[in-house]
Amino acid sequence: MKDKPKYKQIIEAAVEVIAENGYHASQVSKIAKKAKVADGTIYLYFKNKEDILISVFREKMGTFIDGAKRAIDDEQTANDKLFKLIEMHYSQLSESPYLAIVTQLELRQSKSELRHEINKVLKSYLDVIDSVIEFGLETGEIDKKFNPQLIRQMIFGTLDESVTTWVMKSQRYQLVEQVEEMHTLLTKGFFK
């Protein structure tokens, strides 16, 4: 089903509709209209609106994670891997402001069952961050006196909050212009 064009149309439409209207005001009929499909077609692919939101996150985050993995795999140092991760995080969300709104604002307003499903997907991204940290610990670039989980929280939390601020300020500045400064701020803390 996921390889079918209508599935992808619905996912793309859902991102836009949810970003423009908020999750709670985004009726399935609005998503169907934006996707140019009949309302009933939505239910061939998704159980309900919550399933659409989870699927949006799963699909978009999957692409996001794959891009981040590919980008950091080519780098030779943990420092460079972290730089590339920050760059990918910012550039992918900058290129899709609707997705940034959905991930930074709308997903956080969902019910606890939804957040549980979303956290399962997010775990894969945290694993990518962990791989950078583990590499840095192995190579000696990252100081072993710091707790790796705390480092992960610092990296993810800082990136996450900076993107949320960018979204809240209506994307009035170029997020990707902050990559170098963000990299410096993060590496001054736990890199040797």
N, C-alpha and C. Protein backbone atom coordinates (compact mmCIF):
# COMPACT_ATOMS: atom_id res chain seq x y z
N MET A 1 0.81 -1.21 0.00
CA MET A 1 0.00 0.00 0.00
C MET A 1 0.86 1.28 0.00
N LYS A 2 1.96 1.24 0.75
CA LYS A 2 2.78 2.44 0.90
C LYS A 2 3.46 2.86 -0.40
N ASP A 3 3.57 1.94 -1.35
CA ASP A 3 4.20 2.27 -2.63
C ASP A 3 3.19 2.81 -3.63
N LYS A 4 1.94 2.83 -3.27
CA LYS A 4 0.92 3.30 -4.20
C LYS A 4 0.89 4.82 -4.21
N PRO A 5 0.67 5.41 -5.39
CA PRO A 5 0.68 6.88 -5.51
C PRO A 5 -0.34 7.58 -4.61
N LYS A 6 -1.52 7.01 -4.43
CA LYS A 6 -2.54 7.67 -3.60
C LYS A 6 -2.11 7.74 -2.14
N TYR A 7 -1.41 6.71 -1.67
CA TYR A 7 -0.91 6.72 -0.30
C TYR A 7 0.01 7.93 -0.11
N LYS A 8 0.95 8.09 -1.04
CA LYS A 8 1.89 9.21 -0.95
C LYS A 8 1.18 10.55 -1.09
N GLN A 9 0.17 10.63 -1.97
CA GLN A 9 -0.62 11.85 -2.12
C GLN A 9 -1.28 12.22 -0.80
N ILE A 10 -1.84 11.22 -0.15
CA ILE A 10 -2.55 11.46 1.11
C ILE A 10 -1.57 11.92 2.19
N ILE A 11 -0.42 11.28 2.26
CA ILE A 11 0.60 11.68 3.24
C ILE A 11 1.01 13.13 3.02
N GLU A 12 1.31 13.49 1.78
CA GLU A 12 1.73 14.87 1.46
C GLU A 12 0.62 15.86 1.80
N ALA A 13 -0.60 15.51 1.43
CA ALA A 13 -1.74 16.38 1.72
C ALA A 13 -1.94 16.53 3.22
N ALA A 14 -1.79 15.45 3.96
CA ALA A 14 -1.98 15.49 5.41
C ALA A 14 -0.97 16.42 6.07
N VAL A 15 0.27 16.38 5.62
CA VAL A 15 1.29 17.28 6.19
C VAL A 15 0.84 18.73 6.02
N GLU A 16 0.42 19.06 4.82
CA GLU A 16 0.03 20.43 4.52
C GLU A 16 -1.23 20.84 5.29
N VAL A 17 -2.23 19.99 5.29
CA VAL A 17 -3.50 20.32 5.97
C VAL A 17 -3.29 20.45 7.48
N ILE A 18 -2.55 19.54 8.06
CA ILE A 18 -2.30 19.60 9.50
C ILE A 18 -1.48 20.83 9.87
N ALA A 19 -0.49 21.16 9.04
CA ALA A 19 0.33 22.36 9.30
C ALA A 19 -0.51 23.63 9.20
N GLU A 20 -1.41 23.68 8.24
CA GLU A 20 -2.22 24.88 8.03
C GLU A 20 -3.35 25.02 9.04
N ASN A 21 -3.94 23.91 9.48
CA ASN A 21 -5.15 23.96 10.30
C ASN A 21 -4.98 23.48 11.73
N GLY A 22 -3.86 22.82 12.01
CA GLY A 22 -3.70 22.16 13.31
C GLY A 22 -4.31 20.78 13.23
N TYR A 23 -3.80 19.87 14.02
CA TYR A 23 -4.25 18.48 13.96
C TYR A 23 -5.75 18.36 14.27
N HIS A 24 -6.19 19.01 15.33
CA HIS A 24 -7.58 18.84 15.78
C HIS A 24 -8.59 19.41 14.78
N ALA A 25 -8.22 20.45 14.05
CA ALA A 25 -9.13 21.05 13.08
C ALA A 25 -8.97 20.45 11.68
N SER A 26 -8.12 19.48 11.53
CA SER A 26 -7.88 18.86 10.22
C SER A 26 -8.78 17.65 10.04
N GLN A 27 -9.90 17.88 9.40
CA GLN A 27 -10.81 16.78 9.15
C GLN A 27 -10.27 15.91 8.02
N VAL A 28 -10.65 14.67 8.06
CA VAL A 28 -10.26 13.72 7.01
C VAL A 28 -10.74 14.23 5.65
N SER A 29 -11.89 14.87 5.62
CA SER A 29 -12.42 15.40 4.35
C SER A 29 -11.51 16.47 3.77
N LYS A 30 -10.89 17.30 4.64
CA LYS A 30 -9.94 18.33 4.16
C LYS A 30 -8.70 17.66 3.56
N ILE A 31 -8.24 16.62 4.23
CA ILE A 31 -7.06 15.90 3.74
C ILE A 31 -7.39 15.25 2.39
N ALA A 32 -8.55 14.64 2.30
CA ALA A 32 -8.98 14.00 1.04
C ALA A 32 -9.07 15.03 -0.08
N LYS A 33 -9.66 16.17 0.21
CA LYS A 33 -9.79 17.22 -0.81
C LYS A 33 -8.42 17.69 -1.29
N LYS A 34 -7.50 17.92 -0.35
CA LYS A 34 -6.15 18.37 -0.71
C LYS A 34 -5.42 17.30 -1.51
N ALA A 35 -5.65 16.02 -1.18
CA ALA A 35 -5.01 14.90 -1.89
C ALA A 35 -5.71 14.58 -3.21
N LYS A 36 -6.87 15.22 -3.43
CA LYS A 36 -7.66 14.98 -4.65
C LYS A 36 -8.10 13.52 -4.76
N VAL A 37 -8.60 13.03 -3.61
CA VAL A 37 -9.18 11.67 -3.57
C VAL A 37 -10.52 11.76 -2.85
N ALA A 38 -11.33 10.77 -3.03
CA ALA A 38 -12.61 10.70 -2.33
C ALA A 38 -12.37 10.43 -0.84
N ASP A 39 -13.26 10.94 -0.02
CA ASP A 39 -13.12 10.74 1.44
C ASP A 39 -12.93 9.26 1.78
N GLY A 40 -13.72 8.40 1.15
CA GLY A 40 -13.65 6.97 1.42
C GLY A 40 -12.31 6.35 1.06
N THR A 41 -11.62 6.94 0.11
CA THR A 41 -10.31 6.42 -0.30
C THR A 41 -9.32 6.48 0.85
N ILE A 42 -9.43 7.49 1.66
CA ILE A 42 -8.54 7.63 2.82
C ILE A 42 -8.60 6.36 3.67
N TYR A 43 -9.81 5.82 3.85
CA TYR A 43 -9.98 4.67 4.74
C TYR A 43 -9.51 3.35 4.11
N LEU A 44 -9.16 3.39 2.85
CA LEU A 44 -8.54 2.21 2.24
C LEU A 44 -7.08 2.09 2.71
N TYR A 45 -6.51 3.22 3.10
CA TYR A 45 -5.10 3.28 3.49
C TYR A 45 -4.87 3.49 4.98
N PHE A 46 -5.82 4.13 5.64
CA PHE A 46 -5.65 4.51 7.04
C PHE A 46 -6.92 4.18 7.84
N LYS A 47 -6.73 3.81 9.11
CA LYS A 47 -7.87 3.47 9.97
C LYS A 47 -8.67 4.71 10.36
N ASN A 48 -7.93 5.80 10.68
CA ASN A 48 -8.57 7.02 11.15
C ASN A 48 -7.55 8.17 11.07
N LYS A 49 -7.94 9.32 11.57
CA LYS A 49 -7.07 10.50 11.51
C LYS A 49 -5.79 10.29 12.31
N GLU A 50 -5.88 9.61 13.45
CA GLU A 50 -4.68 9.34 14.25
C GLU A 50 -3.70 8.47 13.48
N ASP A 51 -4.22 7.50 12.76
CA ASP A 51 -3.38 6.63 11.94
C ASP A 51 -2.68 7.45 10.85
N ILE A 52 -3.38 8.43 10.31
CA ILE A 52 -2.76 9.31 9.30
C ILE A 52 -1.59 10.05 9.93
N LEU A 53 -1.80 10.63 11.11
CA LEU A 53 -0.73 11.40 11.77
C LEU A 53 0.48 10.52 12.06
N ILE A 54 0.25 9.33 12.59
CA ILE A 54 1.35 8.41 12.88
C ILE A 54 2.06 8.02 11.59
N SER A 55 1.29 7.76 10.55
CA SER A 55 1.88 7.37 9.25
C SER A 55 2.69 8.51 8.65
N VAL A 56 2.19 9.73 8.80
CA VAL A 56 2.95 10.90 8.31
C VAL A 56 4.30 10.94 9.01
N PHE A 57 4.27 10.81 10.32
CA PHE A 57 5.52 10.88 11.08
C PHE A 57 6.44 9.71 10.71
N ARG A 58 5.88 8.52 10.61
CA ARG A 58 6.67 7.33 10.29
C ARG A 58 7.33 7.48 8.90
N GLU A 59 6.55 7.91 7.92
CA GLU A 59 7.06 8.06 6.55
C GLU A 59 8.10 9.16 6.46
N LYS A 60 7.75 10.32 6.97
CA LYS A 60 8.65 11.48 6.86
C LYS A 60 9.89 11.30 7.71
N MET A 61 9.72 10.77 8.91
CA MET A 61 10.88 10.56 9.78
C MET A 61 11.77 9.46 9.22
N GLY A 62 11.18 8.46 8.58
CA GLY A 62 11.98 7.41 7.95
C GLY A 62 12.90 7.99 6.90
N THR A 63 12.38 8.86 6.07
CA THR A 63 13.18 9.53 5.04
C THR A 63 14.24 10.40 5.70
N PHE A 64 13.84 11.12 6.73
CA PHE A 64 14.73 12.00 7.48
C PHE A 64 15.91 11.20 8.07
N ILE A 65 15.59 10.08 8.69
CA ILE A 65 16.61 9.24 9.33
C ILE A 65 17.54 8.63 8.29
N ASP A 66 16.98 8.13 7.20
CA ASP A 66 17.81 7.55 6.13
C ASP A 66 18.79 8.58 5.59
N GLY A 67 18.32 9.80 5.39
CA GLY A 67 19.19 10.86 4.90
C GLY A 67 20.31 11.18 5.89
N ALA A 68 19.96 11.22 7.17
CA ALA A 68 20.96 11.51 8.20
C ALA A 68 22.01 10.40 8.26
N LYS A 69 21.56 9.14 8.20
CA LYS A 69 22.50 8.00 8.24
C LYS A 69 23.48 8.05 7.07
N ARG A 70 22.95 8.28 5.88
CA ARG A 70 23.81 8.34 4.69
C ARG A 70 24.82 9.47 4.80
N ALA A 71 24.36 10.60 5.30
CA ALA A 71 25.24 11.78 5.40
C ALA A 71 26.38 11.55 6.39
N ILE A 72 26.09 10.96 7.54
CA ILE A 72 27.15 10.80 8.54
C ILE A 72 28.06 9.62 8.24
N ASP A 73 27.58 8.65 7.48
CA ASP A 73 28.41 7.48 7.15
C ASP A 73 29.68 7.85 6.40
N ASP A 74 29.62 8.89 5.61
CA ASP A 74 30.77 9.30 4.80
C ASP A 74 31.81 10.08 5.59
N GLU A 75 31.47 10.51 6.79
CA GLU A 75 32.38 11.34 7.57
C GLU A 75 33.34 10.46 8.39
N GLN A 76 34.55 10.95 8.58
CA GLN A 76 35.61 10.16 9.21
C GLN A 76 35.80 10.43 10.71
N THR A 77 35.28 11.55 11.20
CA THR A 77 35.45 11.87 12.62
C THR A 77 34.08 12.10 13.25
N ALA A 78 34.01 11.95 14.56
CA ALA A 78 32.75 12.20 15.27
C ALA A 78 32.36 13.68 15.14
N ASN A 79 33.37 14.54 15.18
CA ASN A 79 33.14 15.97 15.03
C ASN A 79 32.46 16.26 13.69
N ASP A 80 32.97 15.68 12.62
CA ASP A 80 32.38 15.87 11.29
C ASP A 80 31.01 15.21 11.19
N LYS A 81 30.85 14.06 11.82
CA LYS A 81 29.56 13.37 11.82
C LYS A 81 28.50 14.25 12.51
N LEU A 82 28.87 14.85 13.63
CA LEU A 82 27.93 15.71 14.34
C LEU A 82 27.59 16.93 13.49
N PHE A 83 28.59 17.52 12.85
CA PHE A 83 28.33 18.67 11.98
C PHE A 83 27.33 18.29 10.89
N LYS A 84 27.55 17.16 10.27
CA LYS A 84 26.68 16.70 9.17
C LYS A 84 25.27 16.41 9.69
N LEU A 85 25.18 15.84 10.89
CA LEU A 85 23.88 15.55 11.49
C LEU A 85 23.10 16.85 11.72
N ILE A 86 23.75 17.85 12.27
CA ILE A 86 23.11 19.15 12.50
C ILE A 86 22.67 19.75 11.17
N GLU A 87 23.57 19.70 10.21
CA GLU A 87 23.27 20.25 8.88
C GLU A 87 22.05 19.56 8.26
N MET A 88 22.01 18.23 8.35
CA MET A 88 20.89 17.48 7.79
C MET A 88 19.59 17.80 8.54
N HIS A 89 19.67 17.86 9.85
CA HIS A 89 18.48 18.16 10.66
C HIS A 89 17.89 19.50 10.23
N TYR A 90 18.72 20.51 10.18
CA TYR A 90 18.25 21.85 9.83
C TYR A 90 17.81 21.94 8.37
N SER A 91 18.59 21.38 7.47
CA SER A 91 18.25 21.54 6.05
C SER A 91 16.98 20.78 5.69
N GLN A 92 16.81 19.58 6.21
CA GLN A 92 15.61 18.82 5.87
C GLN A 92 14.34 19.51 6.37
N LEU A 93 14.38 20.07 7.55
CA LEU A 93 13.20 20.76 8.06
C LEU A 93 13.02 22.13 7.41
N SER A 94 14.11 22.80 7.06
CA SER A 94 14.02 24.08 6.34
C SER A 94 13.37 23.89 4.98
N GLU A 95 13.69 22.78 4.34
CA GLU A 95 13.15 22.51 3.01
C GLU A 95 11.68 22.12 3.05
N SER A 96 11.18 21.77 4.21
CA SER A 96 9.78 21.37 4.34
C SER A 96 9.16 22.05 5.56
N PRO A 97 8.86 23.35 5.44
CA PRO A 97 8.31 24.08 6.59
C PRO A 97 7.02 23.47 7.13
N TYR A 98 6.18 22.92 6.25
CA TYR A 98 4.95 22.27 6.74
C TYR A 98 5.30 21.09 7.65
N LEU A 99 6.28 20.30 7.24
CA LEU A 99 6.68 19.17 8.06
C LEU A 99 7.25 19.66 9.40
N ALA A 100 8.00 20.74 9.36
CA ALA A 100 8.54 21.31 10.60
C ALA A 100 7.42 21.70 11.55
N ILE A 101 6.38 22.30 11.03
CA ILE A 101 5.24 22.69 11.87
C ILE A 101 4.59 21.45 12.48
N VAL A 102 4.40 20.43 11.66
CA VAL A 102 3.75 19.21 12.16
C VAL A 102 4.61 18.54 13.23
N THR A 103 5.91 18.39 12.97
CA THR A 103 6.77 17.68 13.92
C THR A 103 7.02 18.48 15.19
N GLN A 104 7.15 19.79 15.07
CA GLN A 104 7.51 20.60 16.22
C GLN A 104 6.32 21.04 17.06
N LEU A 105 5.15 21.16 16.43
CA LEU A 105 4.00 21.67 17.18
C LEU A 105 2.85 20.67 17.29
N GLU A 106 2.41 20.15 16.18
CA GLU A 106 1.20 19.33 16.18
C GLU A 106 1.37 17.97 16.83
N LEU A 107 2.50 17.33 16.63
CA LEU A 107 2.71 16.01 17.23
C LEU A 107 2.74 16.08 18.75
N ARG A 108 3.12 17.19 19.29
CA ARG A 108 3.25 17.34 20.74
C ARG A 108 1.91 17.54 21.43
N GLN A 109 0.88 17.84 20.66
CA GLN A 109 -0.44 18.09 21.23
C GLN A 109 -1.31 16.84 21.22
N SER A 110 -0.75 15.75 20.77
CA SER A 110 -1.53 14.53 20.59
C SER A 110 -1.70 13.76 21.91
N LYS A 111 -2.61 12.80 21.87
CA LYS A 111 -2.88 11.96 23.04
C LYS A 111 -1.68 11.08 23.38
N SER A 112 -1.67 10.57 24.59
CA SER A 112 -0.53 9.77 25.05
C SER A 112 -0.31 8.52 24.21
N GLU A 113 -1.39 7.89 23.71
CA GLU A 113 -1.22 6.69 22.86
C GLU A 113 -0.50 7.07 21.57
N LEU A 114 -0.86 8.22 21.02
CA LEU A 114 -0.20 8.71 19.80
C LEU A 114 1.27 9.01 20.08
N ARG A 115 1.53 9.69 21.17
CA ARG A 115 2.92 10.03 21.52
C ARG A 115 3.75 8.76 21.70
N HIS A 116 3.13 7.71 22.24
CA HIS A 116 3.84 6.44 22.41
C HIS A 116 4.26 5.88 21.05
N GLU A 117 3.37 5.91 20.08
CA GLU A 117 3.69 5.44 18.72
C GLU A 117 4.76 6.32 18.07
N ILE A 118 4.65 7.61 18.28
CA ILE A 118 5.61 8.55 17.72
C ILE A 118 6.99 8.33 18.34
N ASN A 119 7.03 8.06 19.64
CA ASN A 119 8.30 7.81 20.32
C ASN A 119 9.01 6.57 19.79
N LYS A 120 8.24 5.58 19.35
CA LYS A 120 8.85 4.39 18.74
C LYS A 120 9.63 4.76 17.49
N VAL A 121 9.06 5.66 16.69
CA VAL A 121 9.72 6.10 15.47
C VAL A 121 10.91 6.99 15.82
N LEU A 122 10.73 7.87 16.76
CA LEU A 122 11.79 8.80 17.17
C LEU A 122 13.01 8.07 17.70
N LYS A 123 12.81 6.90 18.29
CA LYS A 123 13.91 6.10 18.83
C LYS A 123 14.97 5.84 17.77
N SER A 124 14.56 5.62 16.53
CA SER A 124 15.52 5.37 15.45
C SER A 124 16.42 6.58 15.21
N TYR A 125 15.86 7.78 15.37
CA TYR A 125 16.68 8.99 15.20
C TYR A 125 17.65 9.14 16.37
N LEU A 126 17.16 8.84 17.55
CA LEU A 126 18.05 8.89 18.72
C LEU A 126 19.17 7.88 18.60
N ASP A 127 18.90 6.75 17.94
CA ASP A 127 19.95 5.76 17.69
C ASP A 127 21.03 6.32 16.77
N VAL A 128 20.64 7.15 15.81
CA VAL A 128 21.63 7.79 14.93
C VAL A 128 22.52 8.72 15.75
N ILE A 129 21.91 9.50 16.62
CA ILE A 129 22.70 10.39 17.49
C ILE A 129 23.62 9.56 18.38
N ASP A 130 23.09 8.47 18.93
CA ASP A 130 23.91 7.58 19.77
C ASP A 130 25.11 7.03 18.99
N SER A 131 24.92 6.73 17.71
CA SER A 131 26.03 6.18 16.92
C SER A 131 27.16 7.19 16.78
N VAL A 132 26.82 8.46 16.67
CA VAL A 132 27.84 9.52 16.60
C VAL A 132 28.58 9.60 17.93
N ILE A 133 27.84 9.55 19.01
CA ILE A 133 28.44 9.64 20.35
C ILE A 133 29.34 8.42 20.60
N GLU A 134 28.85 7.23 20.29
CA GLU A 134 29.66 6.02 20.48
C GLU A 134 30.94 6.07 19.67
N PHE A 135 30.84 6.55 18.44
CA PHE A 135 32.02 6.68 17.59
C PHE A 135 33.02 7.65 18.23
N GLY A 136 32.51 8.76 18.73
CA GLY A 136 33.37 9.76 19.38
C GLY A 136 34.03 9.23 20.64
N LEU A 137 33.32 8.41 21.38
CA LEU A 137 33.89 7.80 22.59
C LEU A 137 34.98 6.80 22.21
N GLU A 138 34.71 6.00 21.15
CA GLU A 138 35.70 5.01 20.69
C GLU A 138 36.97 5.66 20.17
N THR A 139 36.82 6.77 19.46
CA THR A 139 37.99 7.44 18.87
C THR A 139 38.68 8.37 19.85
N GLY A 140 38.05 8.59 20.99
CA GLY A 140 38.64 9.48 21.99
C GLY A 140 38.33 10.95 21.75
N GLU A 141 37.49 11.25 20.78
CA GLU A 141 37.13 12.65 20.52
C GLU A 141 36.19 13.20 21.59
N ILE A 142 35.37 12.32 22.15
CA ILE A 142 34.41 12.74 23.17
C ILE A 142 34.94 12.30 24.52
N ASP A 143 34.92 13.23 25.45
CA ASP A 143 35.41 12.98 26.80
C ASP A 143 34.54 11.93 27.50
N LYS A 144 35.16 10.86 27.99
CA LYS A 144 34.43 9.75 28.60
C LYS A 144 33.87 10.08 29.98
N LYS A 145 34.22 11.24 30.52
CA LYS A 145 33.68 11.59 31.83
C LYS A 145 32.21 12.00 31.75
N PHE A 146 31.70 12.22 30.52
CA PHE A 146 30.31 12.61 30.35
C PHE A 146 29.43 11.41 30.06
N ASN A 147 28.23 11.44 30.61
CA ASN A 147 27.24 10.39 30.39
C ASN A 147 26.73 10.48 28.94
N PRO A 148 26.87 9.40 28.15
CA PRO A 148 26.42 9.42 26.75
C PRO A 148 24.94 9.76 26.59
N GLN A 149 24.11 9.32 27.53
CA GLN A 149 22.68 9.64 27.42
C GLN A 149 22.41 11.12 27.63
N LEU A 150 23.20 11.72 28.51
CA LEU A 150 23.07 13.16 28.73
C LEU A 150 23.54 13.93 27.49
N ILE A 151 24.60 13.44 26.86
CA ILE A 151 25.08 14.07 25.61
C ILE A 151 23.99 13.99 24.55
N ARG A 152 23.37 12.81 24.44
CA ARG A 152 22.28 12.65 23.45
C ARG A 152 21.15 13.62 23.74
N GLN A 153 20.76 13.73 25.01
CA GLN A 153 19.68 14.66 25.37
C GLN A 153 20.06 16.09 25.01
N MET A 154 21.31 16.43 25.23
CA MET A 154 21.77 17.78 24.92
C MET A 154 21.71 18.04 23.42
N ILE A 155 22.20 17.08 22.63
CA ILE A 155 22.20 17.26 21.17
C ILE A 155 20.76 17.34 20.66
N PHE A 156 19.97 16.33 20.96
CA PHE A 156 18.60 16.30 20.44
C PHE A 156 17.79 17.47 20.97
N GLY A 157 17.87 17.71 22.26
CA GLY A 157 17.09 18.79 22.86
C GLY A 157 17.43 20.15 22.29
N THR A 158 18.71 20.39 22.05
CA THR A 158 19.15 21.67 21.50
C THR A 158 18.66 21.83 20.06
N LEU A 159 18.82 20.78 19.25
CA LEU A 159 18.35 20.85 17.87
C LEU A 159 16.83 21.01 17.83
N ASP A 160 16.16 20.23 18.64
CA ASP A 160 14.71 20.26 18.67
C ASP A 160 14.18 21.64 19.07
N GLU A 161 14.73 22.18 20.12
CA GLU A 161 14.27 23.49 20.60
C GLU A 161 14.59 24.60 19.60
N SER A 162 15.75 24.52 18.96
CA SER A 162 16.10 25.56 17.99
C SER A 162 15.17 25.53 16.78
N VAL A 163 14.74 24.34 16.35
CA VAL A 163 13.79 24.24 15.24
C VAL A 163 12.41 24.72 15.69
N THR A 164 12.01 24.39 16.91
CA THR A 164 10.72 24.86 17.42
C THR A 164 10.69 26.38 17.45
N THR A 165 11.77 27.00 17.90
CA THR A 165 11.85 28.46 17.93
C THR A 165 11.74 29.04 16.52
N TRP A 166 12.42 28.40 15.58
CA TRP A 166 12.36 28.84 14.17
C TRP A 166 10.93 28.75 13.65
N VAL A 167 10.23 27.68 13.96
CA VAL A 167 8.83 27.52 13.53
C VAL A 167 7.97 28.60 14.19
N MET A 168 8.15 28.80 15.48
CA MET A 168 7.33 29.78 16.22
C MET A 168 7.56 31.21 15.72
N LYS A 169 8.74 31.46 15.19
CA LYS A 169 9.04 32.79 14.65
C LYS A 169 8.73 32.87 13.16
N SER A 170 7.86 31.95 12.70
CA SER A 170 7.38 31.94 11.32
C SER A 170 8.50 31.84 10.29
N GLN A 171 9.56 31.13 10.64
CA GLN A 171 10.69 30.88 9.73
C GLN A 171 11.25 32.18 9.15
N ARG A 172 11.37 33.21 9.98
CA ARG A 172 11.81 34.53 9.50
C ARG A 172 13.31 34.61 9.25
N TYR A 173 14.04 33.57 9.58
CA TYR A 173 15.48 33.56 9.33
C TYR A 173 15.87 32.21 8.77
N GLN A 174 17.08 32.13 8.27
CA GLN A 174 17.56 30.90 7.65
C GLN A 174 18.12 29.97 8.74
N LEU A 175 17.44 28.90 8.97
CA LEU A 175 17.84 27.94 9.99
C LEU A 175 19.22 27.36 9.69
N VAL A 176 19.48 27.05 8.43
CA VAL A 176 20.75 26.42 8.07
C VAL A 176 21.95 27.33 8.31
N GLU A 177 21.72 28.63 8.43
CA GLU A 177 22.83 29.54 8.73
C GLU A 177 23.33 29.36 10.16
N GLN A 178 22.60 28.63 10.98
CA GLN A 178 22.99 28.40 12.37
C GLN A 178 23.79 27.12 12.57
N VAL A 179 24.00 26.35 11.51
CA VAL A 179 24.65 25.04 11.64
C VAL A 179 26.02 25.16 12.29
N GLU A 180 26.85 26.02 11.77
CA GLU A 180 28.23 26.13 12.27
C GLU A 180 28.26 26.57 13.73
N GLU A 181 27.47 27.56 14.07
CA GLU A 181 27.45 28.05 15.45
C GLU A 181 26.90 26.98 16.40
N MET A 182 25.84 26.28 15.97
CA MET A 182 25.27 25.22 16.80
C MET A 182 26.29 24.11 17.01
N HIS A 183 27.01 23.74 15.96
CA HIS A 183 28.05 22.71 16.05
C HIS A 183 29.11 23.13 17.06
N THR A 184 29.55 24.36 16.99
CA THR A 184 30.56 24.87 17.92
C THR A 184 30.05 24.83 19.35
N LEU A 185 28.83 25.29 19.56
CA LEU A 185 28.26 25.28 20.92
C LEU A 185 28.21 23.87 21.50
N LEU A 186 27.77 22.92 20.68
CA LEU A 186 27.65 21.54 21.18
C LEU A 186 29.02 20.91 21.42
N THR A 187 29.94 21.08 20.51
CA THR A 187 31.23 20.40 20.64
C THR A 187 32.11 21.02 21.72
N LYS A 188 31.91 22.26 22.05
CA LYS A 188 32.72 22.87 23.12
C LYS A 188 32.40 22.24 24.47
N GLY A 189 31.25 21.62 24.59
CA GLY A 189 30.84 21.05 25.87
C GLY A 189 31.44 19.71 26.17
N PHE A 190 31.44 18.78 25.22
CA PHE A 190 31.84 17.41 25.56
C PHE A 190 32.94 16.82 24.67
N PHE A 191 33.35 17.56 23.65
CA PHE A 191 34.49 17.10 22.84
C PHE A 191 35.78 17.55 23.51
N LYS A 192 36.83 16.80 23.25
CA LYS A 192 38.14 17.17 23.82
C LYS A 192 38.81 18.22 22.98
